[in-house]
């Protein structure tokens, strides 16, 4: 029984899948952070344009 647990402990067959999953999660978090920053910049640009249109008319 002890040998079976040691074999499971040192087995590296599922390691690649875990690393790829962590990489995908990291990329998704970076994409969400980037999109939020872009959304804020776009919203600010449209708000400035609306303000300029309202004050010039």
PDB file of N, CA and C in Angstrom:
ATOM      1  N   UNK A   1       0.824  -1.191   0.000  1.00  0.00           N
ATOM      2  CA  UNK A   1       0.000   0.000   0.000  1.00  0.00           C
ATOM      3  C   UNK A   1       0.868   1.254   0.000  1.00  0.00           C
ATOM      4  N   UNK A   2       1.918   1.223   0.804  1.00  0.00           N
ATOM      5  CA  UNK A   2       2.819   2.379   0.866  1.00  0.00           C
ATOM      6  C   UNK A   2       3.469   2.626  -0.495  1.00  0.00           C
ATOM      7  N   UNK A   3       3.812   1.567  -1.185  1.00  0.00           N
ATOM      8  CA  UNK A   3       4.438   1.701  -2.502  1.00  0.00           C
ATOM      9  C   UNK A   3       3.469   2.311  -3.513  1.00  0.00           C
ATOM     10  N   UNK A   4       2.202   1.970  -3.426  1.00  0.00           N
ATOM     11  CA  UNK A   4       1.192   2.540  -4.327  1.00  0.00           C
ATOM     12  C   UNK A   4       1.076   4.049  -4.100  1.00  0.00           C
ATOM     13  N   UNK A   5       1.077   4.495  -2.846  1.00  0.00           N
ATOM     14  CA  UNK A   5       1.005   5.924  -2.557  1.00  0.00           C
ATOM     15  C   UNK A   5       2.260   6.651  -3.033  1.00  0.00           C
ATOM     16  N   UNK A   6       3.401   6.031  -2.881  1.00  0.00           N
ATOM     17  CA  UNK A   6       4.638   6.654  -3.356  1.00  0.00           C
ATOM     18  C   UNK A   6       4.625   6.795  -4.876  1.00  0.00           C
ATOM     19  N   UNK A   7       4.108   5.774  -5.563  1.00  0.00           N
ATOM     20  CA  UNK A   7       4.001   5.864  -7.020  1.00  0.00           C
ATOM     21  C   UNK A   7       3.073   6.995  -7.445  1.00  0.00           C
ATOM     22  N   UNK A   8       1.969   7.180  -6.749  1.00  0.00           N
ATOM     23  CA  UNK A   8       1.058   8.275  -7.068  1.00  0.00           C
ATOM     24  C   UNK A   8       1.698   9.629  -6.770  1.00  0.00           C
ATOM     25  N   UNK A   9       2.463   9.694  -5.690  1.00  0.00           N
ATOM     26  CA  UNK A   9       3.093  10.954  -5.300  1.00  0.00           C
ATOM     27  C   UNK A   9       4.119  11.425  -6.330  1.00  0.00           C
ATOM     28  N   UNK A  10       4.894  10.487  -6.871  1.00  0.00           N
ATOM     29  CA  UNK A  10       5.962  10.851  -7.803  1.00  0.00           C
ATOM     30  C   UNK A  10       5.551  10.740  -9.267  1.00  0.00           C
ATOM     31  N   UNK A  11       4.314  10.372  -9.537  1.00  0.00           N
ATOM     32  CA  UNK A  11       3.823  10.264 -10.914  1.00  0.00           C
ATOM     33  C   UNK A  11       3.624  11.663 -11.483  1.00  0.00           C
ATOM     34  N   UNK A  12       4.134  11.935 -12.687  1.00  0.00           N
ATOM     35  CA  UNK A  12       4.059  13.258 -13.292  1.00  0.00           C
ATOM     36  C   UNK A  12       3.202  13.276 -14.553  1.00  0.00           C
ATOM     37  N   UNK A  13       2.322  12.310 -14.737  1.00  0.00           N
ATOM     38  CA  UNK A  13       1.532  12.246 -15.961  1.00  0.00           C
ATOM     39  C   UNK A  13       0.544  13.407 -16.092  1.00  0.00           C
ATOM     40  N   UNK A  14      -0.081  13.847 -15.029  1.00  0.00           N
ATOM     41  CA  UNK A  14      -1.072  14.915 -15.099  1.00  0.00           C
ATOM     42  C   UNK A  14      -0.504  16.302 -14.923  1.00  0.00           C
ATOM     43  N   UNK A  15       0.790  16.415 -14.795  1.00  0.00           N
ATOM     44  CA  UNK A  15       1.423  17.695 -14.520  1.00  0.00           C
ATOM     45  C   UNK A  15       1.265  18.675 -15.680  1.00  0.00           C
ATOM     46  N   UNK A  16       1.384  18.230 -16.914  1.00  0.00           N
ATOM     47  CA  UNK A  16       1.283  19.123 -18.062  1.00  0.00           C
ATOM     48  C   UNK A  16      -0.101  19.753 -18.153  1.00  0.00           C
ATOM     49  N   UNK A  17      -1.124  18.978 -17.912  1.00  0.00           N
ATOM     50  CA  UNK A  17      -2.490  19.499 -17.974  1.00  0.00           C
ATOM     51  C   UNK A  17      -2.694  20.596 -16.938  1.00  0.00           C
ATOM     52  N   UNK A  18      -2.179  20.408 -15.753  1.00  0.00           N
ATOM     53  CA  UNK A  18      -2.306  21.422 -14.700  1.00  0.00           C
ATOM     54  C   UNK A  18      -1.564  22.694 -15.085  1.00  0.00           C
ATOM     55  N   UNK A  19      -0.392  22.559 -15.664  1.00  0.00           N
ATOM     56  CA  UNK A  19       0.370  23.736 -16.072  1.00  0.00           C
ATOM     57  C   UNK A  19      -0.347  24.494 -17.173  1.00  0.00           C
ATOM     58  N   UNK A  20      -0.924  23.793 -18.133  1.00  0.00           N
ATOM     59  CA  UNK A  20      -1.672  24.453 -19.198  1.00  0.00           C
ATOM     60  C   UNK A  20      -2.919  25.138 -18.648  1.00  0.00           C
ATOM     61  N   UNK A  21      -3.583  24.520 -17.695  1.00  0.00           N
ATOM     62  CA  UNK A  21      -4.771  25.132 -17.099  1.00  0.00           C
ATOM     63  C   UNK A  21      -4.396  26.413 -16.364  1.00  0.00           C
ATOM     64  N   UNK A  22      -3.301  26.395 -15.626  1.00  0.00           N
ATOM     65  CA  UNK A  22      -2.852  27.602 -14.930  1.00  0.00           C
ATOM     66  C   UNK A  22      -2.469  28.702 -15.916  1.00  0.00           C
ATOM     67  N   UNK A  23      -1.858  28.331 -17.026  1.00  0.00           N
ATOM     68  CA  UNK A  23      -1.486  29.304 -18.048  1.00  0.00           C
ATOM     69  C   UNK A  23      -2.728  29.939 -18.668  1.00  0.00           C
ATOM     70  N   UNK A  24      -3.744  29.140 -18.938  1.00  0.00           N
ATOM     71  CA  UNK A  24      -4.988  29.666 -19.505  1.00  0.00           C
ATOM     72  C   UNK A  24      -5.665  30.620 -18.522  1.00  0.00           C
ATOM     73  N   UNK A  25      -5.676  30.266 -17.255  1.00  0.00           N
ATOM     74  CA  UNK A  25      -6.281  31.139 -16.242  1.00  0.00           C
ATOM     75  C   UNK A  25      -5.517  32.460 -16.158  1.00  0.00           C
ATOM     76  N   UNK A  26      -4.200  32.400 -16.186  1.00  0.00           N
ATOM     77  CA  UNK A  26      -3.389  33.612 -16.127  1.00  0.00           C
ATOM     78  C   UNK A  26      -3.649  34.507 -17.337  1.00  0.00           C
ATOM     79  N   UNK A  27      -3.720  33.921 -18.517  1.00  0.00           N
ATOM     80  CA  UNK A  27      -4.001  34.703 -19.721  1.00  0.00           C
ATOM     81  C   UNK A  27      -5.403  35.304 -19.679  1.00  0.00           C
ATOM     82  N   UNK A  28      -6.369  34.567 -19.160  1.00  0.00           N
ATOM     83  CA  UNK A  28      -7.733  35.090 -19.060  1.00  0.00           C
ATOM     84  C   UNK A  28      -7.789  36.273 -18.095  1.00  0.00           C
ATOM     85  N   UNK A  29      -7.104  36.172 -16.971  1.00  0.00           N
ATOM     86  CA  UNK A  29      -7.072  37.286 -16.027  1.00  0.00           C
ATOM     87  C   UNK A  29      -6.404  38.519 -16.628  1.00  0.00           C
ATOM     88  N   UNK A  30      -5.339  38.318 -17.380  1.00  0.00           N
ATOM     89  CA  UNK A  30      -4.665  39.438 -18.025  1.00  0.00           C
ATOM     90  C   UNK A  30      -5.571  40.075 -19.079  1.00  0.00           C
ATOM     91  N   UNK A  31      -6.317  39.262 -19.816  1.00  0.00           N
ATOM     92  CA  UNK A  31      -7.226  39.785 -20.823  1.00  0.00           C
ATOM     93  C   UNK A  31      -8.347  40.591 -20.173  1.00  0.00           C
ATOM     94  N   UNK A  32      -8.896  40.105 -19.089  1.00  0.00           N
ATOM     95  CA  UNK A  32      -9.964  40.824 -18.397  1.00  0.00           C
ATOM     96  C   UNK A  32      -9.445  42.158 -17.868  1.00  0.00           C
ATOM     97  N   UNK A  33      -8.267  42.162 -17.294  1.00  0.00           N
ATOM     98  CA  UNK A  33      -7.688  43.407 -16.784  1.00  0.00           C
ATOM     99  C   UNK A  33      -7.449  44.402 -17.920  1.00  0.00           C
ATOM    100  N   UNK A  34      -6.966  43.919 -19.040  1.00  0.00           N
ATOM    101  CA  UNK A  34      -6.727  44.790 -20.188  1.00  0.00           C
ATOM    102  C   UNK A  34      -8.011  45.340 -20.768  1.00  0.00           C
ATOM    103  N   UNK A  35      -9.033  44.523 -20.834  1.00  0.00           N
ATOM    104  CA  UNK A  35     -10.309  44.959 -21.391  1.00  0.00           C
ATOM    105  C   UNK A  35     -10.961  45.987 -20.472  1.00  0.00           C
ATOM    106  N   UNK A  36     -10.838  45.810 -19.166  1.00  0.00           N
ATOM    107  CA  UNK A  36     -11.404  46.790 -18.240  1.00  0.00           C
ATOM    108  C   UNK A  36     -10.734  48.148 -18.397  1.00  0.00           C
ATOM    109  N   UNK A  37      -9.438  48.158 -18.560  1.00  0.00           N
ATOM    110  CA  UNK A  37      -8.728  49.417 -18.781  1.00  0.00           C
ATOM    111  C   UNK A  37      -9.128  50.061 -20.089  1.00  0.00           C
ATOM    112  N   UNK A  38      -9.290  49.264 -21.120  1.00  0.00           N
ATOM    113  CA  UNK A  38      -9.711  49.773 -22.420  1.00  0.00           C
ATOM    114  C   UNK A  38     -11.133  50.321 -22.348  1.00  0.00           C
ATOM    115  N   UNK A  39     -12.013  49.631 -21.636  1.00  0.00           N
ATOM    116  CA  UNK A  39     -13.394  50.088 -21.497  1.00  0.00           C
ATOM    117  C   UNK A  39     -13.450  51.430 -20.778  1.00  0.00           C
ATOM    118  N   UNK A  40     -12.624  51.606 -19.765  1.00  0.00           N
ATOM    119  CA  UNK A  40     -12.578  52.876 -19.042  1.00  0.00           C
ATOM    120  C   UNK A  40     -12.103  54.002 -19.956  1.00  0.00           C
ATOM    121  N   UNK A  41     -11.100  53.743 -20.763  1.00  0.00           N
ATOM    122  CA  UNK A  41     -10.575  54.761 -21.680  1.00  0.00           C
ATOM    123  C   UNK A  41     -11.611  55.126 -22.738  1.00  0.00           C
ATOM    124  N   UNK A  42     -12.316  54.162 -23.263  1.00  0.00           N
ATOM    125  CA  UNK A  42     -13.338  54.432 -24.282  1.00  0.00           C
ATOM    126  C   UNK A  42     -14.486  55.220 -23.672  1.00  0.00           C
ATOM    127  N   UNK A  43     -14.912  54.832 -22.487  1.00  0.00           N
ATOM    128  CA  UNK A  43     -16.000  55.550 -21.812  1.00  0.00           C
ATOM    129  C   UNK A  43     -15.615  57.001 -21.555  1.00  0.00           C
ATOM    130  N   UNK A  44     -14.394  57.220 -21.127  1.00  0.00           N
ATOM    131  CA  UNK A  44     -13.914  58.572 -20.880  1.00  0.00           C
ATOM    132  C   UNK A  44     -13.882  59.391 -22.168  1.00  0.00           C
ATOM    133  N   UNK A  45     -13.458  58.795 -23.252  1.00  0.00           N
ATOM    134  CA  UNK A  45     -13.400  59.487 -24.543  1.00  0.00           C
ATOM    135  C   UNK A  45     -14.789  59.896 -25.002  1.00  0.00           C
ATOM    136  N   UNK A  46     -15.769  59.002 -24.891  1.00  0.00           N
ATOM    137  CA  UNK A  46     -17.128  59.333 -25.301  1.00  0.00           C
ATOM    138  C   UNK A  46     -17.752  60.374 -24.376  1.00  0.00           C
ATOM    139  N   UNK A  47     -17.432  60.314 -23.096  1.00  0.00           N
ATOM    140  CA  UNK A  47     -17.951  61.323 -22.163  1.00  0.00           C
ATOM    141  C   UNK A  47     -17.394  62.701 -22.505  1.00  0.00           C
ATOM    142  N   UNK A  48     -16.113  62.772 -22.837  1.00  0.00           N
ATOM    143  CA  UNK A  48     -15.502  64.044 -23.245  1.00  0.00           C
ATOM    144  C   UNK A  48     -16.124  64.553 -24.537  1.00  0.00           C
ATOM    145  N   UNK A  49     -16.361  63.660 -25.483  1.00  0.00           N
ATOM    146  CA  UNK A  49     -16.981  64.069 -26.759  1.00  0.00           C
ATOM    147  C   UNK A  49     -18.387  64.601 -26.509  1.00  0.00           C
ATOM    148  N   UNK A  50     -19.163  63.931 -25.649  1.00  0.00           N
ATOM    149  CA  UNK A  50     -20.525  64.386 -25.344  1.00  0.00           C
ATOM    150  C   UNK A  50     -20.497  65.751 -24.660  1.00  0.00           C
ATOM    151  N   UNK A  51     -19.550  65.947 -23.763  1.00  0.00           N
ATOM    152  CA  UNK A  51     -19.421  67.238 -23.079  1.00  0.00           C
ATOM    153  C   UNK A  51     -19.084  68.339 -24.072  1.00  0.00           C
ATOM    154  N   UNK A  52     -18.179  68.074 -24.999  1.00  0.00           N
ATOM    155  CA  UNK A  52     -17.790  69.063 -25.994  1.00  0.00           C
ATOM    156  C   UNK A  52     -18.947  69.374 -26.933  1.00  0.00           C
ATOM    157  N   UNK A  53     -19.731  68.391 -27.294  1.00  0.00           N
ATOM    158  CA  UNK A  53     -20.876  68.640 -28.166  1.00  0.00           C
ATOM    159  C   UNK A  53     -21.945  69.465 -27.455  1.00  0.00           C
ATOM    160  N   UNK A  54     -22.157  69.216 -26.179  1.00  0.00           N
ATOM    161  CA  UNK A  54     -23.174  69.954 -25.425  1.00  0.00           C
ATOM    162  C   UNK A  54     -22.758  71.402 -25.154  1.00  0.00           C
ATOM    163  N   UNK A  55     -21.480  71.659 -24.951  1.00  0.00           N
ATOM    164  CA  UNK A  55     -21.045  73.026 -24.641  1.00  0.00           C
ATOM    165  C   UNK A  55     -20.901  73.865 -25.893  1.00  0.00           C
ATOM    166  N   UNK A  56     -20.691  73.276 -27.049  1.00  0.00           N
ATOM    167  CA  UNK A  56     -20.490  74.049 -28.284  1.00  0.00           C
ATOM    168  C   UNK A  56     -21.785  74.343 -28.997  1.00  0.00           C
ATOM    169  N   UNK A  57     -22.894  73.781 -28.577  1.00  0.00           N
ATOM    170  CA  UNK A  57     -24.149  74.038 -29.289  1.00  0.00           C
ATOM    171  C   UNK A  57     -24.961  75.109 -28.624  1.00  0.00           C
TER     172      UNK A  57
END
